[in-house]
Protein backbone atom coordinates (compact mmCIF):
# COMPACT_ATOMS: atom_id res chain seq x y z
CA MET A 1 -0.96 21.97 -1.62
CA LYS A 2 2.02 21.23 -4.18
CA LEU A 3 1.98 17.35 -3.90
CA THR A 4 1.93 16.34 -7.47
CA THR A 5 1.75 12.89 -9.06
CA LYS A 6 5.54 12.80 -8.75
CA GLY A 7 5.31 12.51 -4.90
CA ARG A 8 2.11 10.36 -5.12
CA TYR A 9 3.86 8.02 -7.55
CA ALA A 10 7.05 7.96 -5.38
CA VAL A 11 5.16 6.90 -2.21
CA THR A 12 3.26 4.45 -4.20
CA ALA A 13 6.26 2.81 -5.68
CA MET A 14 8.01 2.68 -2.52
CA LEU A 15 5.25 1.09 -0.74
CA ASP A 16 4.99 -1.44 -3.60
CA LEU A 17 8.78 -2.00 -3.16
CA SER A 18 8.30 -2.59 0.70
CA LEU A 19 5.55 -5.02 0.16
CA HIS A 20 7.40 -7.12 -2.33
CA SER A 21 11.23 -6.78 -1.31
CA GLN A 22 11.11 -9.85 0.94
CA ASP A 23 12.32 -12.17 -1.72
CA GLY A 24 15.07 -9.80 -2.90
CA PRO A 25 15.41 -6.89 -5.28
CA VAL A 26 12.17 -5.88 -7.17
CA SER A 27 12.38 -4.61 -10.65
CA LEU A 28 10.94 -1.52 -11.79
CA ALA A 29 8.90 -3.35 -14.43
CA ASP A 30 7.21 -5.38 -11.89
CA ILE A 31 6.27 -2.27 -9.94
CA SER A 32 5.22 -0.58 -13.20
CA ASP A 33 2.87 -3.53 -13.90
CA ARG A 34 1.30 -3.60 -10.57
CA GLN A 35 0.98 0.29 -10.24
CA ASP A 36 0.34 1.21 -13.67
CA ILE A 37 3.10 3.90 -13.73
CA SER A 38 5.22 4.13 -16.99
CA LEU A 39 8.66 2.39 -16.38
CA SER A 40 10.38 5.77 -17.72
CA TYR A 41 8.86 7.77 -15.05
CA LEU A 42 9.80 5.16 -12.39
CA GLU A 43 13.29 5.27 -13.66
CA GLN A 44 13.48 8.94 -13.04
CA LEU A 45 12.00 8.71 -9.63
CA PHE A 46 14.08 5.79 -8.51
CA SER A 47 17.27 7.95 -9.67
CA LYS A 48 16.37 10.52 -7.10
CA LEU A 49 15.27 8.07 -4.34
CA ARG A 50 18.78 6.36 -4.97
CA LYS A 51 20.65 9.52 -4.67
CA ARG A 52 18.85 10.49 -1.47
CA GLY A 53 19.78 7.09 -0.05
CA LEU A 54 16.34 5.63 0.35
CA VAL A 55 16.95 2.73 -1.97
CA VAL A 56 19.81 0.70 -3.45
CA SER A 57 20.01 -0.87 -6.95
CA MET A 58 21.30 -4.27 -8.01
CA ARG A 59 22.37 -4.95 -11.46
CA GLY A 60 22.25 -8.09 -13.38
CA PRO A 61 19.84 -11.10 -13.59
CA GLY A 62 17.43 -10.90 -10.67
CA GLY A 63 18.51 -7.36 -10.12
CA GLY A 64 16.34 -4.39 -9.22
CA TYR A 65 15.87 -2.26 -6.10
CA SER A 66 15.78 -2.74 -2.53
CA LEU A 67 15.04 -0.39 0.57
CA SER A 68 18.40 1.07 1.98
CA ARG A 69 17.04 0.64 5.41
CA SER A 70 13.96 -0.81 7.38
CA PRO A 71 10.48 0.25 6.33
CA ALA A 72 10.12 1.53 9.98
CA GLU A 73 12.78 3.88 9.44
CA ILE A 74 11.51 5.58 6.08
CA ALA A 75 8.82 8.19 6.69
CA MET A 76 6.50 9.34 3.86
CA SER A 77 8.02 12.90 4.23
CA SER A 78 11.33 11.73 3.33
CA ILE A 79 10.06 9.99 0.19
CA ILE A 80 8.13 13.13 -0.99
CA LEU A 81 11.18 15.38 -0.36
CA ALA A 82 13.58 13.01 -2.07
CA VAL A 83 11.73 13.68 -5.48
CA ASP A 84 11.87 17.44 -4.86
CA GLU A 85 8.34 17.87 -3.70
CA ASN A 86 7.22 20.11 -1.03
CA VAL A 87 3.93 20.44 1.13
CA ASP A 88 3.86 24.06 1.29
CA VAL A 89 0.05 25.21 0.82
CA THR A 90 0.69 28.93 1.26
CA ASN A 91 1.46 29.61 -2.49
CA CYS A 92 3.75 32.32 -1.19
CA GLY A 93 6.82 30.78 -2.48
CA ASN A 94 9.92 30.06 -0.58
CA SER A 95 10.01 33.57 1.13
CA SER A 96 7.63 34.21 4.21
CA GLU A 97 7.22 37.78 2.98
CA GLY A 98 6.65 37.29 -0.67
CA CYS A 99 2.92 36.68 -0.64
CA GLN A 100 1.31 39.95 -2.00
CA GLN A 101 3.37 42.20 -3.88
CA SER A 102 6.57 41.50 -1.76
CA LYS A 103 4.43 41.89 1.47
CA ARG A 104 3.05 39.24 3.73
CA CYS A 105 -0.54 38.24 2.79
CA LEU A 106 -3.51 38.29 5.15
CA THR A 107 -3.95 34.41 5.56
CA HIS A 108 -0.13 33.56 5.35
CA ASP A 109 0.15 32.13 8.98
CA LEU A 110 -2.82 30.00 8.63
CA TRP A 111 -1.59 28.31 5.31
CA ALA A 112 2.03 28.17 6.92
CA ASP A 113 0.51 26.37 10.07
CA LEU A 114 -1.36 23.87 7.72
CA SER A 115 1.83 23.16 5.92
CA GLY A 116 3.44 22.35 9.24
CA ARG A 117 0.62 20.12 10.15
CA ILE A 118 0.82 18.21 6.85
CA GLN A 119 4.70 17.85 7.20
CA SER A 120 4.29 16.71 10.74
CA PHE A 121 1.54 14.21 9.61
CA LEU A 122 3.84 12.79 6.91
CA ASP A 123 6.79 12.78 9.32
CA ASP A 124 4.78 10.47 11.62
CA ILE A 125 3.83 7.90 9.09
CA THR A 126 6.30 5.14 7.94
CA LEU A 127 6.37 2.69 5.19
CA GLU A 128 5.98 0.07 7.90
CA ASP A 129 2.82 1.86 9.16
CA MET A 130 1.27 1.80 5.75
CA MET A 131 2.38 -1.77 5.05
CA LYS A 132 0.28 -2.87 8.14
CA ARG A 133 -2.99 -1.23 6.96
CA LYS A 134 -5.55 -3.81 6.17
CA GLU A 135 -6.78 -1.78 3.11
CA VAL A 136 -3.14 -1.59 1.91
CA ILE A 137 -2.84 -5.43 2.15
CA GLU A 138 -6.18 -5.84 0.20
CA VAL A 139 -5.23 -3.81 -2.56
CA ALA A 140 -1.73 -5.27 -2.88
CA GLU A 141 -3.29 -8.79 -2.92
CA ARG A 142 -5.79 -7.66 -5.71
CA GLN A 143 -2.98 -6.30 -7.62
CA ASN A 144 -0.80 -9.36 -7.39
CA LYS A 145 -3.62 -11.52 -8.48
CA LYS A 146 -4.29 -9.43 -11.51
CA VAL A 147 -0.73 -9.49 -12.58
CA VAL A 148 -0.55 -13.24 -12.29
CA GLU A 149 -3.77 -13.60 -14.24
CA GLU A 150 -2.60 -11.32 -17.05
CA ALA A 151 0.82 -13.18 -17.27
CA THR A 152 -1.16 -16.58 -17.35
CA LEU A 153 -3.47 -15.17 -20.12
CA HIS A 154 -0.47 -13.80 -21.99
CA ASN A 155 1.53 -17.24 -21.87
CA LEU A 156 -1.72 -19.11 -22.97
CA ASN A 157 -2.21 -16.85 -26.07
CA GLY A 158 1.65 -17.28 -26.83
């Protein structure tokens, strides 16, 4: 499968945005702190997500990013595709005939079917679905607590 950290980080950042956007735009710095993803990498990802219409940006004090539509309307597959990832596990390239010296390989259809099932799986899961998961809620609460504790410690140490 060709899902790299780019796709994984994009999904993670979008889920974080979904969980924290009820009070307005979310800064990439806040996502970076909670998810331990570099700010410059998030800027690259969110540029692509914005171009694909999944997020909107707001400048100025209190600015940041918001989802462009309801979390129920954003599938995991759309996030992954927005950052130029694919879920093709065939390793045959973009051509269905380019597997083995320009000929179809023996197991091409097996891997193509698997790619289709992964795509369908990701099409069927939305940000809202993930937001409702008990495990996701628990992790988000732990991350929020850690960020608050670190900020408090930083303020005490001046």
